[in-house]
C-alpha atoms as a PDB file:
ATOM      1  CA  MET A   1      43.847  36.954 -36.273  1.00  0.00           C
ATOM      2  CA  LYS A   2      44.460  36.863 -40.028  1.00  0.00           C
ATOM      3  CA  ASP A   3      46.994  34.056 -39.665  1.00  0.00           C
ATOM      4  CA  SER A   4      44.624  31.968 -37.550  1.00  0.00           C
ATOM      5  CA  PHE A   5      41.846  32.455 -40.130  1.00  0.00           C
ATOM      6  CA  LEU A   6      44.181  31.401 -42.942  1.00  0.00           C
ATOM      7  CA  THR A   7      45.328  28.409 -40.897  1.00  0.00           C
ATOM      8  CA  LEU A   8      41.701  27.391 -40.372  1.00  0.00           C
ATOM      9  CA  LEU A   9      40.982  27.682 -44.101  1.00  0.00           C
ATOM     10  CA  HIS A  10      44.063  25.616 -44.894  1.00  0.00           C
ATOM     11  CA  ARG A  11      42.993  22.882 -42.455  1.00  0.00           C
ATOM     12  CA  LEU A  12      39.467  22.846 -43.907  1.00  0.00           C
ATOM     13  CA  ASN A  13      40.766  22.686 -47.474  1.00  0.00           C
ATOM     14  CA  ILE A  14      42.682  19.448 -46.997  1.00  0.00           C
ATOM     15  CA  GLN A  15      42.475  17.528 -50.287  1.00  0.00           C
ATOM     16  CA  GLY A  16      40.444  20.388 -51.825  1.00  0.00           C
ATOM     17  CA  SER A  17      37.179  19.444 -50.106  1.00  0.00           C
ATOM     18  CA  PHE A  18      36.406  22.906 -48.754  1.00  0.00           C
ATOM     19  CA  LEU A  19      37.047  24.725 -52.034  1.00  0.00           C
ATOM     20  CA  ARG A  20      34.984  22.190 -54.005  1.00  0.00           C
ATOM     21  CA  THR A  21      32.180  22.605 -51.460  1.00  0.00           C
ATOM     22  CA  ILE A  22      32.179  26.411 -51.814  1.00  0.00           C
ATOM     23  CA  ILE A  23      32.126  26.238 -55.634  1.00  0.00           C
ATOM     24  CA  TYR A  24      29.380  23.594 -55.552  1.00  0.00           C
ATOM     25  CA  THR A  25      27.257  25.688 -53.163  1.00  0.00           C
ATOM     26  CA  ILE A  26      27.501  28.884 -55.222  1.00  0.00           C
ATOM     27  CA  GLY A  27      26.582  27.035 -58.408  1.00  0.00           C
ATOM     28  CA  HIS A  28      23.725  25.276 -56.660  1.00  0.00           C
ATOM     29  CA  MET A  29      22.285  28.600 -55.482  1.00  0.00           C
ATOM     30  CA  PHE A  30      22.243  30.064 -58.998  1.00  0.00           C
ATOM     31  CA  ILE A  31      20.699  26.897 -60.432  1.00  0.00           C
ATOM     32  CA  ALA A  32      18.059  26.738 -57.685  1.00  0.00           C
ATOM     33  CA  VAL A  33      16.923  30.359 -58.202  1.00  0.00           C
ATOM     34  CA  THR A  34      16.740  29.905 -61.956  1.00  0.00           C
ATOM     35  CA  CYS A  35      14.816  26.627 -61.798  1.00  0.00           C
ATOM     36  CA  LEU A  36      12.328  27.840 -59.223  1.00  0.00           C
ATOM     37  CA  MET A  37      11.595  31.020 -61.143  1.00  0.00           C
ATOM     38  CA  LEU A  38      11.289  29.297 -64.537  1.00  0.00           C
ATOM     39  CA  ILE A  39       9.643  25.998 -63.600  1.00  0.00           C
ATOM     40  CA  ALA A  40       7.549  26.853 -60.555  1.00  0.00           C
ATOM     41  CA  SER A  41       6.946  30.541 -61.392  1.00  0.00           C
ATOM     42  CA  VAL A  42       7.666  31.635 -57.832  1.00  0.00           C
ATOM     43  CA  PRO A  43       8.662  35.209 -56.969  1.00  0.00           C
ATOM     44  CA  PHE A  44      12.370  36.029 -56.785  1.00  0.00           C
ATOM     45  CA  SER A  45      12.288  36.537 -52.989  1.00  0.00           C
ATOM     46  CA  ILE A  46      10.905  33.040 -52.377  1.00  0.00           C
ATOM     47  CA  ALA A  47      13.266  31.473 -54.907  1.00  0.00           C
ATOM     48  CA  LEU A  48      16.210  33.232 -53.266  1.00  0.00           C
ATOM     49  CA  THR A  49      15.201  32.052 -49.792  1.00  0.00           C
ATOM     50  CA  ASP A  50      14.957  28.455 -50.940  1.00  0.00           C
ATOM     51  CA  ALA A  51      18.146  28.800 -52.970  1.00  0.00           C
ATOM     52  CA  ILE A  52      20.067  29.857 -49.871  1.00  0.00           C
ATOM     53  CA  VAL A  53      18.686  27.412 -47.290  1.00  0.00           C
ATOM     54  CA  GLU A  54      18.575  24.196 -49.302  1.00  0.00           C
ATOM     55  CA  PRO A  55      22.067  24.436 -50.885  1.00  0.00           C
ATOM     56  CA  LEU A  56      23.635  25.302 -47.532  1.00  0.00           C
ATOM     57  CA  LEU A  57      22.239  22.086 -46.081  1.00  0.00           C
ATOM     58  CA  ASN A  58      23.348  20.181 -49.179  1.00  0.00           C
ATOM     59  CA  SER A  59      26.828  21.697 -48.954  1.00  0.00           C
ATOM     60  CA  ILE A  60      27.259  20.336 -45.426  1.00  0.00           C
ATOM     61  CA  TRP A  61      26.280  16.902 -46.683  1.00  0.00           C
ATOM     62  CA  TYR A  62      28.617  17.253 -49.702  1.00  0.00           C
ATOM     63  CA  TYR A  63      31.571  18.302 -47.528  1.00  0.00           C
ATOM     64  CA  VAL A  64      31.116  15.321 -45.200  1.00  0.00           C
ATOM     65  CA  LEU A  65      30.719  12.953 -48.155  1.00  0.00           C
ATOM     66  CA  ASP A  66      33.726  14.406 -50.004  1.00  0.00           C
ATOM     67  CA  ARG A  67      35.968  14.199 -46.937  1.00  0.00           C
ATOM     68  CA  TYR A  68      34.923  10.579 -46.387  1.00  0.00           C
ATOM     69  CA  TRP A  69      35.420   9.746 -50.079  1.00  0.00           C
ATOM     70  CA  ALA A  70      38.827  11.432 -50.219  1.00  0.00           C
ATOM     71  CA  SER A  71      39.984   9.595 -47.099  1.00  0.00           C
ATOM     72  CA  ARG A  72      39.033   6.249 -48.658  1.00  0.00           C
ATOM     73  CA  VAL A  73      40.726   6.950 -52.010  1.00  0.00           C
ATOM     74  CA  ILE A  74      43.942   8.169 -50.387  1.00  0.00           C
ATOM     75  CA  SER A  75      44.070   5.282 -47.928  1.00  0.00           C
ATOM     76  CA  ARG A  76      43.830   2.790 -50.812  1.00  0.00           C
ATOM     77  CA  ALA A  77      46.506   4.478 -52.938  1.00  0.00           C
END
């Protein structure tokens, strides 16, 4: 079980895309909560909800874009 999970992570992390996506998503969540609370003056619970949903959707888009980008750069090298 542990080996299959590690194998899956290794396959997902080809060219660093998965790790970059995770780091991007965590940073995005912190930034989203902070901005919503400071700029829009929304309660923490609402800011947290938005900061979880929206970055998760963005992270899927980022992962797809990064994988596509990495495949183009490597194929041209």
